[in-house]
């Protein structure tokens, strides 16, 4: 159920921003720990690098999902804060 309270939606956006910052921090830590992630994948890559690459890909997918979800929540908040006045009965 989508909340009808703008404050609840603002809290959701704050939580999403915190989650995004956490994922971005993890992604930066991966690239700092495994600099080879910035290079194209090779066939003789160590298993540890391959799994780190998979984790970085997963982080990127989470960021895309967060961005999409944030856009939906922000649109709902915009509608609640500035309702369409043309639909008013008077």
PDB file of N, CA and C in Angstrom:
ATOM      1  N   UNK A   1       0.838  -1.174   0.000  1.00  0.00           N
ATOM      2  CA  UNK A   1       0.000   0.000   0.000  1.00  0.00           C
ATOM      3  C   UNK A   1       0.885   1.239   0.000  1.00  0.00           C
ATOM      4  N   UNK A   2       0.524   2.181  -0.830  1.00  0.00           N
ATOM      5  CA  UNK A   2       1.293   3.427  -0.926  1.00  0.00           C
ATOM      6  C   UNK A   2       0.782   4.399   0.127  1.00  0.00           C
ATOM      7  N   UNK A   3       1.674   4.936   0.947  1.00  0.00           N
ATOM      8  CA  UNK A   3       1.241   5.890   1.971  1.00  0.00           C
ATOM      9  C   UNK A   3       0.645   7.149   1.349  1.00  0.00           C
ATOM     10  N   UNK A   4      -0.304   7.726   2.046  1.00  0.00           N
ATOM     11  CA  UNK A   4      -0.911   8.977   1.587  1.00  0.00           C
ATOM     12  C   UNK A   4      -0.359  10.186   2.350  1.00  0.00           C
ATOM     13  N   UNK A   5       0.505   9.904   3.292  1.00  0.00           N
ATOM     14  CA  UNK A   5       1.099  10.958   4.104  1.00  0.00           C
ATOM     15  C   UNK A   5       2.436  11.386   3.487  1.00  0.00           C
ATOM     16  N   UNK A   6       2.572  12.671   3.122  1.00  0.00           N
ATOM     17  CA  UNK A   6       3.841  13.124   2.536  1.00  0.00           C
ATOM     18  C   UNK A   6       5.043  12.861   3.434  1.00  0.00           C
ATOM     19  N   UNK A   7       4.864  12.942   4.744  1.00  0.00           N
ATOM     20  CA  UNK A   7       5.977  12.708   5.665  1.00  0.00           C
ATOM     21  C   UNK A   7       6.471  11.259   5.564  1.00  0.00           C
ATOM     22  N   UNK A   8       5.552  10.319   5.417  1.00  0.00           N
ATOM     23  CA  UNK A   8       5.946   8.921   5.275  1.00  0.00           C
ATOM     24  C   UNK A   8       6.750   8.722   3.985  1.00  0.00           C
ATOM     25  N   UNK A   9       6.336   9.380   2.915  1.00  0.00           N
ATOM     26  CA  UNK A   9       7.062   9.275   1.654  1.00  0.00           C
ATOM     27  C   UNK A   9       8.437   9.941   1.752  1.00  0.00           C
ATOM     28  N   UNK A  10       8.515  11.050   2.474  1.00  0.00           N
ATOM     29  CA  UNK A  10       9.813  11.705   2.674  1.00  0.00           C
ATOM     30  C   UNK A  10      10.748  10.802   3.461  1.00  0.00           C
ATOM     31  N   UNK A  11      10.203  10.091   4.440  1.00  0.00           N
ATOM     32  CA  UNK A  11      11.027   9.143   5.207  1.00  0.00           C
ATOM     33  C   UNK A  11      11.512   8.007   4.311  1.00  0.00           C
ATOM     34  N   UNK A  12      10.652   7.550   3.410  1.00  0.00           N
ATOM     35  CA  UNK A  12      11.076   6.505   2.474  1.00  0.00           C
ATOM     36  C   UNK A  12      12.207   7.007   1.585  1.00  0.00           C
ATOM     37  N   UNK A  13      12.089   8.239   1.102  1.00  0.00           N
ATOM     38  CA  UNK A  13      13.149   8.802   0.262  1.00  0.00           C
ATOM     39  C   UNK A  13      14.452   8.931   1.042  1.00  0.00           C
ATOM     40  N   UNK A  14      14.354   9.303   2.309  1.00  0.00           N
ATOM     41  CA  UNK A  14      15.564   9.405   3.139  1.00  0.00           C
ATOM     42  C   UNK A  14      16.201   8.029   3.324  1.00  0.00           C
ATOM     43  N   UNK A  15      15.375   7.016   3.548  1.00  0.00           N
ATOM     44  CA  UNK A  15      15.890   5.662   3.688  1.00  0.00           C
ATOM     45  C   UNK A  15      16.543   5.170   2.397  1.00  0.00           C
ATOM     46  N   UNK A  16      15.932   5.499   1.264  1.00  0.00           N
ATOM     47  CA  UNK A  16      16.513   5.114  -0.027  1.00  0.00           C
ATOM     48  C   UNK A  16      17.845   5.809  -0.257  1.00  0.00           C
ATOM     49  N   UNK A  17      17.949   7.074   0.154  1.00  0.00           N
ATOM     50  CA  UNK A  17      19.211   7.810   0.004  1.00  0.00           C
ATOM     51  C   UNK A  17      20.305   7.185   0.870  1.00  0.00           C
ATOM     52  N   UNK A  18      19.939   6.767   2.078  1.00  0.00           N
ATOM     53  CA  UNK A  18      20.899   6.107   2.962  1.00  0.00           C
ATOM     54  C   UNK A  18      21.354   4.776   2.363  1.00  0.00           C
ATOM     55  N   UNK A  19      20.411   4.022   1.837  1.00  0.00           N
ATOM     56  CA  UNK A  19      20.755   2.746   1.211  1.00  0.00           C
ATOM     57  C   UNK A  19      21.649   2.951  -0.003  1.00  0.00           C
ATOM     58  N   UNK A  20      21.342   3.970  -0.799  1.00  0.00           N
ATOM     59  CA  UNK A  20      22.183   4.255  -1.967  1.00  0.00           C
ATOM     60  C   UNK A  20      23.609   4.605  -1.549  1.00  0.00           C
ATOM     61  N   UNK A  21      23.746   5.427  -0.521  1.00  0.00           N
ATOM     62  CA  UNK A  21      25.079   5.804  -0.048  1.00  0.00           C
ATOM     63  C   UNK A  21      25.853   4.575   0.425  1.00  0.00           C
ATOM     64  N   UNK A  22      25.156   3.661   1.077  1.00  0.00           N
ATOM     65  CA  UNK A  22      25.800   2.439   1.560  1.00  0.00           C
ATOM     66  C   UNK A  22      26.271   1.564   0.396  1.00  0.00           C
ATOM     67  N   UNK A  23      25.431   1.415  -0.616  1.00  0.00           N
ATOM     68  CA  UNK A  23      25.798   0.590  -1.771  1.00  0.00           C
ATOM     69  C   UNK A  23      26.956   1.231  -2.523  1.00  0.00           C
ATOM     70  N   UNK A  24      26.909   2.552  -2.687  1.00  0.00           N
ATOM     71  CA  UNK A  24      28.011   3.241  -3.374  1.00  0.00           C
ATOM     72  C   UNK A  24      29.324   3.105  -2.600  1.00  0.00           C
ATOM     73  N   UNK A  25      29.249   3.145  -1.273  1.00  0.00           N
ATOM     74  CA  UNK A  25      30.439   2.958  -0.447  1.00  0.00           C
ATOM     75  C   UNK A  25      31.003   1.548  -0.628  1.00  0.00           C
ATOM     76  N   UNK A  26      30.130   0.561  -0.650  1.00  0.00           N
ATOM     77  CA  UNK A  26      30.577  -0.823  -0.869  1.00  0.00           C
ATOM     78  C   UNK A  26      31.205  -0.967  -2.250  1.00  0.00           C
ATOM     79  N   UNK A  27      30.623  -0.323  -3.237  1.00  0.00           N
ATOM     80  CA  UNK A  27      31.161  -0.393  -4.601  1.00  0.00           C
ATOM     81  C   UNK A  27      32.544   0.250  -4.680  1.00  0.00           C
ATOM     82  N   UNK A  28      32.691   1.394  -4.028  1.00  0.00           N
ATOM     83  CA  UNK A  28      34.010   2.054  -4.007  1.00  0.00           C
ATOM     84  C   UNK A  28      35.043   1.195  -3.284  1.00  0.00           C
ATOM     85  N   UNK A  29      34.616   0.554  -2.202  1.00  0.00           N
ATOM     86  CA  UNK A  29      35.537  -0.317  -1.461  1.00  0.00           C
ATOM     87  C   UNK A  29      35.964  -1.500  -2.320  1.00  0.00           C
ATOM     88  N   UNK A  30      35.045  -2.039  -3.106  1.00  0.00           N
ATOM     89  CA  UNK A  30      35.409  -3.137  -4.002  1.00  0.00           C
ATOM     90  C   UNK A  30      36.451  -2.686  -5.021  1.00  0.00           C
ATOM     91  N   UNK A  31      36.227  -1.525  -5.629  1.00  0.00           N
ATOM     92  CA  UNK A  31      37.177  -1.031  -6.629  1.00  0.00           C
ATOM     93  C   UNK A  31      38.514  -0.635  -6.006  1.00  0.00           C
ATOM     94  N   UNK A  32      38.487  -0.200  -4.754  1.00  0.00           N
ATOM     95  CA  UNK A  32      39.747   0.130  -4.083  1.00  0.00           C
ATOM     96  C   UNK A  32      40.511  -1.138  -3.694  1.00  0.00           C
ATOM     97  N   UNK A  33      39.774  -2.161  -3.299  1.00  0.00           N
ATOM     98  CA  UNK A  33      40.402  -3.413  -2.895  1.00  0.00           C
ATOM     99  C   UNK A  33      40.876  -4.229  -4.094  1.00  0.00           C
ATOM    100  N   UNK A  34      40.103  -4.187  -5.161  1.00  0.00           N
ATOM    101  CA  UNK A  34      40.420  -4.952  -6.370  1.00  0.00           C
ATOM    102  C   UNK A  34      40.519  -4.002  -7.571  1.00  0.00           C
ATOM    103  N   UNK A  35      41.637  -3.328  -7.742  1.00  0.00           N
ATOM    104  CA  UNK A  35      41.774  -2.378  -8.860  1.00  0.00           C
ATOM    105  C   UNK A  35      41.612  -3.031 -10.233  1.00  0.00           C
ATOM    106  N   UNK A  36      41.807  -4.338 -10.309  1.00  0.00           N
ATOM    107  CA  UNK A  36      41.654  -5.020 -11.596  1.00  0.00           C
ATOM    108  C   UNK A  36      40.204  -5.040 -12.078  1.00  0.00           C
ATOM    109  N   UNK A  37      39.273  -4.687 -11.222  1.00  0.00           N
ATOM    110  CA  UNK A  37      37.870  -4.625 -11.635  1.00  0.00           C
ATOM    111  C   UNK A  37      37.640  -3.560 -12.697  1.00  0.00           C
ATOM    112  N   UNK A  38      38.499  -2.553 -12.720  1.00  0.00           N
ATOM    113  CA  UNK A  38      38.353  -1.476 -13.695  1.00  0.00           C
ATOM    114  C   UNK A  38      38.785  -1.915 -15.091  1.00  0.00           C
ATOM    115  N   UNK A  39      39.536  -3.001 -15.159  1.00  0.00           N
ATOM    116  CA  UNK A  39      39.998  -3.520 -16.448  1.00  0.00           C
ATOM    117  C   UNK A  39      39.008  -4.546 -16.995  1.00  0.00           C
ATOM    118  N   UNK A  40      39.028  -4.774 -18.303  1.00  0.00           N
ATOM    119  CA  UNK A  40      38.138  -5.804 -18.871  1.00  0.00           C
ATOM    120  C   UNK A  40      38.447  -7.182 -18.294  1.00  0.00           C
ATOM    121  N   UNK A  41      37.427  -8.001 -18.227  1.00  0.00           N
ATOM    122  CA  UNK A  41      37.576  -9.345 -17.673  1.00  0.00           C
ATOM    123  C   UNK A  41      38.436 -10.212 -18.596  1.00  0.00           C
ATOM    124  N   UNK A  42      39.293 -11.020 -17.987  1.00  0.00           N
ATOM    125  CA  UNK A  42      40.144 -11.926 -18.758  1.00  0.00           C
ATOM    126  C   UNK A  42      39.771 -13.369 -18.444  1.00  0.00           C
ATOM    127  N   UNK A  43      40.194 -14.283 -19.300  1.00  0.00           N
ATOM    128  CA  UNK A  43      39.872 -15.699 -19.120  1.00  0.00           C
ATOM    129  C   UNK A  43      40.643 -16.342 -17.972  1.00  0.00           C
ATOM    130  N   UNK A  44      41.828 -15.835 -17.678  1.00  0.00           N
ATOM    131  CA  UNK A  44      42.651 -16.422 -16.614  1.00  0.00           C
ATOM    132  C   UNK A  44      42.537 -15.640 -15.295  1.00  0.00           C
ATOM    133  N   UNK A  45      41.435 -14.975 -15.115  1.00  0.00           N
ATOM    134  CA  UNK A  45      41.214 -14.157 -13.920  1.00  0.00           C
ATOM    135  C   UNK A  45      41.029 -15.061 -12.699  1.00  0.00           C
ATOM    136  N   UNK A  46      41.562 -14.633 -11.576  1.00  0.00           N
ATOM    137  CA  UNK A  46      41.418 -15.392 -10.326  1.00  0.00           C
ATOM    138  C   UNK A  46      39.952 -15.422  -9.901  1.00  0.00           C
ATOM    139  N   UNK A  47      39.554 -16.503  -9.252  1.00  0.00           N
ATOM    140  CA  UNK A  47      38.171 -16.666  -8.821  1.00  0.00           C
ATOM    141  C   UNK A  47      37.732 -15.526  -7.901  1.00  0.00           C
ATOM    142  N   UNK A  48      38.642 -15.083  -7.062  1.00  0.00           N
ATOM    143  CA  UNK A  48      38.353 -13.983  -6.139  1.00  0.00           C
ATOM    144  C   UNK A  48      37.976 -12.714  -6.910  1.00  0.00           C
ATOM    145  N   UNK A  49      38.667 -12.437  -7.993  1.00  0.00           N
ATOM    146  CA  UNK A  49      38.374 -11.254  -8.812  1.00  0.00           C
ATOM    147  C   UNK A  49      37.034 -11.428  -9.521  1.00  0.00           C
ATOM    148  N   UNK A  50      36.764 -12.640  -9.983  1.00  0.00           N
ATOM    149  CA  UNK A  50      35.496 -12.911 -10.665  1.00  0.00           C
ATOM    150  C   UNK A  50      34.312 -12.694  -9.730  1.00  0.00           C
ATOM    151  N   UNK A  51      34.426 -13.178  -8.500  1.00  0.00           N
ATOM    152  CA  UNK A  51      33.334 -12.985  -7.553  1.00  0.00           C
ATOM    153  C   UNK A  51      33.203 -11.519  -7.141  1.00  0.00           C
ATOM    154  N   UNK A  52      34.320 -10.825  -7.025  1.00  0.00           N
ATOM    155  CA  UNK A  52      34.263  -9.389  -6.721  1.00  0.00           C
ATOM    156  C   UNK A  52      33.592  -8.639  -7.876  1.00  0.00           C
ATOM    157  N   UNK A  53      33.871  -9.053  -9.100  1.00  0.00           N
ATOM    158  CA  UNK A  53      33.240  -8.448 -10.273  1.00  0.00           C
ATOM    159  C   UNK A  53      31.722  -8.695 -10.263  1.00  0.00           C
ATOM    160  N   UNK A  54      31.334  -9.917  -9.883  1.00  0.00           N
ATOM    161  CA  UNK A  54      29.907 -10.245  -9.794  1.00  0.00           C
ATOM    162  C   UNK A  54      29.229  -9.409  -8.710  1.00  0.00           C
ATOM    163  N   UNK A  55      29.906  -9.215  -7.598  1.00  0.00           N
ATOM    164  CA  UNK A  55      29.366  -8.390  -6.518  1.00  0.00           C
ATOM    165  C   UNK A  55      29.234  -6.931  -6.965  1.00  0.00           C
ATOM    166  N   UNK A  56      30.222  -6.426  -7.700  1.00  0.00           N
ATOM    167  CA  UNK A  56      30.149  -5.052  -8.214  1.00  0.00           C
ATOM    168  C   UNK A  56      28.989  -4.911  -9.200  1.00  0.00           C
ATOM    169  N   UNK A  57      28.785  -5.917 -10.038  1.00  0.00           N
ATOM    170  CA  UNK A  57      27.643  -5.887 -10.968  1.00  0.00           C
ATOM    171  C   UNK A  57      26.326  -5.876 -10.210  1.00  0.00           C
ATOM    172  N   UNK A  58      26.262  -6.662  -9.140  1.00  0.00           N
ATOM    173  CA  UNK A  58      25.046  -6.689  -8.319  1.00  0.00           C
ATOM    174  C   UNK A  58      24.798  -5.330  -7.664  1.00  0.00           C
ATOM    175  N   UNK A  59      25.863  -4.689  -7.198  1.00  0.00           N
ATOM    176  CA  UNK A  59      25.732  -3.347  -6.605  1.00  0.00           C
ATOM    177  C   UNK A  59      25.190  -2.366  -7.639  1.00  0.00           C
ATOM    178  N   UNK A  60      25.687  -2.452  -8.862  1.00  0.00           N
ATOM    179  CA  UNK A  60      25.201  -1.567  -9.917  1.00  0.00           C
ATOM    180  C   UNK A  60      23.726  -1.821 -10.220  1.00  0.00           C
ATOM    181  N   UNK A  61      23.306  -3.078 -10.205  1.00  0.00           N
ATOM    182  CA  UNK A  61      21.895  -3.391 -10.422  1.00  0.00           C
ATOM    183  C   UNK A  61      21.026  -2.851  -9.293  1.00  0.00           C
ATOM    184  N   UNK A  62      21.516  -2.949  -8.065  1.00  0.00           N
ATOM    185  CA  UNK A  62      20.774  -2.394  -6.927  1.00  0.00           C
ATOM    186  C   UNK A  62      20.632  -0.879  -7.083  1.00  0.00           C
ATOM    187  N   UNK A  63      21.689  -0.209  -7.524  1.00  0.00           N
ATOM    188  CA  UNK A  63      21.621   1.242  -7.714  1.00  0.00           C
ATOM    189  C   UNK A  63      20.596   1.609  -8.786  1.00  0.00           C
ATOM    190  N   UNK A  64      20.519   0.841  -9.844  1.00  0.00           N
ATOM    191  CA  UNK A  64      19.518   1.097 -10.888  1.00  0.00           C
ATOM    192  C   UNK A  64      18.109   0.905 -10.318  1.00  0.00           C
ATOM    193  N   UNK A  65      17.924  -0.167  -9.559  1.00  0.00           N
ATOM    194  CA  UNK A  65      16.624  -0.413  -8.931  1.00  0.00           C
ATOM    195  C   UNK A  65      16.240   0.669  -7.944  1.00  0.00           C
ATOM    196  N   UNK A  66      17.196   1.128  -7.164  1.00  0.00           N
ATOM    197  CA  UNK A  66      16.933   2.207  -6.208  1.00  0.00           C
ATOM    198  C   UNK A  66      16.533   3.491  -6.924  1.00  0.00           C
ATOM    199  N   UNK A  67      17.220   3.788  -8.002  1.00  0.00           N
ATOM    200  CA  UNK A  67      16.904   4.989  -8.767  1.00  0.00           C
ATOM    201  C   UNK A  67      15.482   4.918  -9.328  1.00  0.00           C
ATOM    202  N   UNK A  68      15.106   3.768  -9.843  1.00  0.00           N
ATOM    203  CA  UNK A  68      13.765   3.582 -10.388  1.00  0.00           C
ATOM    204  C   UNK A  68      12.715   3.711  -9.289  1.00  0.00           C
ATOM    205  N   UNK A  69      12.957   3.066  -8.160  1.00  0.00           N
ATOM    206  CA  UNK A  69      12.006   3.132  -7.040  1.00  0.00           C
ATOM    207  C   UNK A  69      11.905   4.556  -6.492  1.00  0.00           C
ATOM    208  N   UNK A  70      13.029   5.227  -6.386  1.00  0.00           N
ATOM    209  CA  UNK A  70      13.022   6.603  -5.889  1.00  0.00           C
ATOM    210  C   UNK A  70      12.203   7.512  -6.810  1.00  0.00           C
ATOM    211  N   UNK A  71      12.311   7.295  -8.113  1.00  0.00           N
ATOM    212  CA  UNK A  71      11.537   8.099  -9.057  1.00  0.00           C
ATOM    213  C   UNK A  71      10.038   7.907  -8.843  1.00  0.00           C
ATOM    214  N   UNK A  72       9.614   6.672  -8.575  1.00  0.00           N
ATOM    215  CA  UNK A  72       8.193   6.423  -8.322  1.00  0.00           C
ATOM    216  C   UNK A  72       7.723   7.068  -7.023  1.00  0.00           C
ATOM    217  N   UNK A  73       8.520   6.932  -5.972  1.00  0.00           N
ATOM    218  CA  UNK A  73       8.156   7.521  -4.675  1.00  0.00           C
ATOM    219  C   UNK A  73       8.145   9.046  -4.779  1.00  0.00           C
ATOM    220  N   UNK A  74       9.131   9.618  -5.459  1.00  0.00           N
ATOM    221  CA  UNK A  74       9.197  11.077  -5.604  1.00  0.00           C
ATOM    222  C   UNK A  74       8.012  11.596  -6.409  1.00  0.00           C
ATOM    223  N   UNK A  75       7.598  10.861  -7.435  1.00  0.00           N
ATOM    224  CA  UNK A  75       6.429  11.274  -8.222  1.00  0.00           C
ATOM    225  C   UNK A  75       5.173  11.245  -7.365  1.00  0.00           C
ATOM    226  N   UNK A  76       5.022  10.211  -6.550  1.00  0.00           N
ATOM    227  CA  UNK A  76       3.864  10.116  -5.656  1.00  0.00           C
ATOM    228  C   UNK A  76       3.875  11.266  -4.647  1.00  0.00           C
ATOM    229  N   UNK A  77       5.051  11.585  -4.114  1.00  0.00           N
ATOM    230  CA  UNK A  77       5.167  12.702  -3.179  1.00  0.00           C
ATOM    231  C   UNK A  77       4.801  14.011  -3.853  1.00  0.00           C
ATOM    232  N   UNK A  78       5.234  14.200  -5.077  1.00  0.00           N
ATOM    233  CA  UNK A  78       4.921  15.425  -5.825  1.00  0.00           C
ATOM    234  C   UNK A  78       3.414  15.567  -6.012  1.00  0.00           C
ATOM    235  N   UNK A  79       2.746  14.457  -6.321  1.00  0.00           N
ATOM    236  CA  UNK A  79       1.294  14.493  -6.508  1.00  0.00           C
ATOM    237  C   UNK A  79       0.596  14.835  -5.195  1.00  0.00           C
ATOM    238  N   UNK A  80       1.076  14.276  -4.102  1.00  0.00           N
ATOM    239  CA  UNK A  80       0.453  14.567  -2.803  1.00  0.00           C
ATOM    240  C   UNK A  80       0.690  16.016  -2.365  1.00  0.00           C
ATOM    241  N   UNK A  81       1.850  16.548  -2.647  1.00  0.00           N
ATOM    242  CA  UNK A  81       2.165  17.908  -2.223  1.00  0.00           C
ATOM    243  C   UNK A  81       1.527  18.956  -3.128  1.00  0.00           C
ATOM    244  N   UNK A  82       1.370  18.623  -4.408  1.00  0.00           N
ATOM    245  CA  UNK A  82       0.796  19.558  -5.381  1.00  0.00           C
ATOM    246  C   UNK A  82      -0.268  18.836  -6.192  1.00  0.00           C
ATOM    247  N   UNK A  83      -1.448  18.620  -5.599  1.00  0.00           N
ATOM    248  CA  UNK A  83      -2.487  17.870  -6.311  1.00  0.00           C
ATOM    249  C   UNK A  83      -2.964  18.627  -7.546  1.00  0.00           C
ATOM    250  N   UNK A  84      -3.469  17.862  -8.490  1.00  0.00           N
ATOM    251  CA  UNK A  84      -4.011  18.438  -9.717  1.00  0.00           C
ATOM    252  C   UNK A  84      -5.275  19.195  -9.380  1.00  0.00           C
ATOM    253  N   UNK A  85      -5.227  20.501  -9.453  1.00  0.00           N
ATOM    254  CA  UNK A  85      -6.352  21.334  -9.040  1.00  0.00           C
ATOM    255  C   UNK A  85      -7.481  21.325 -10.065  1.00  0.00           C
ATOM    256  N   UNK A  86      -7.231  20.854 -11.270  1.00  0.00           N
ATOM    257  CA  UNK A  86      -8.281  20.806 -12.281  1.00  0.00           C
ATOM    258  C   UNK A  86      -9.296  19.706 -11.973  1.00  0.00           C
ATOM    259  N   UNK A  87      -8.946  18.762 -11.113  1.00  0.00           N
ATOM    260  CA  UNK A  87      -9.891  17.698 -10.770  1.00  0.00           C
ATOM    261  C   UNK A  87     -10.772  18.048  -9.577  1.00  0.00           C
ATOM    262  N   UNK A  88     -10.581  19.223  -9.030  1.00  0.00           N
ATOM    263  CA  UNK A  88     -11.410  19.624  -7.893  1.00  0.00           C
ATOM    264  C   UNK A  88     -12.840  19.863  -8.369  1.00  0.00           C
ATOM    265  N   UNK A  89     -13.838  19.553  -7.543  1.00  0.00           N
ATOM    266  CA  UNK A  89     -15.235  19.694  -7.973  1.00  0.00           C
ATOM    267  C   UNK A  89     -15.747  21.135  -7.945  1.00  0.00           C
ATOM    268  N   UNK A  90     -14.994  22.064  -7.454  1.00  0.00           N
ATOM    269  CA  UNK A  90     -15.483  23.445  -7.397  1.00  0.00           C
ATOM    270  C   UNK A  90     -14.575  24.378  -8.134  1.00  0.00           C
TER     271      UNK A  90
END
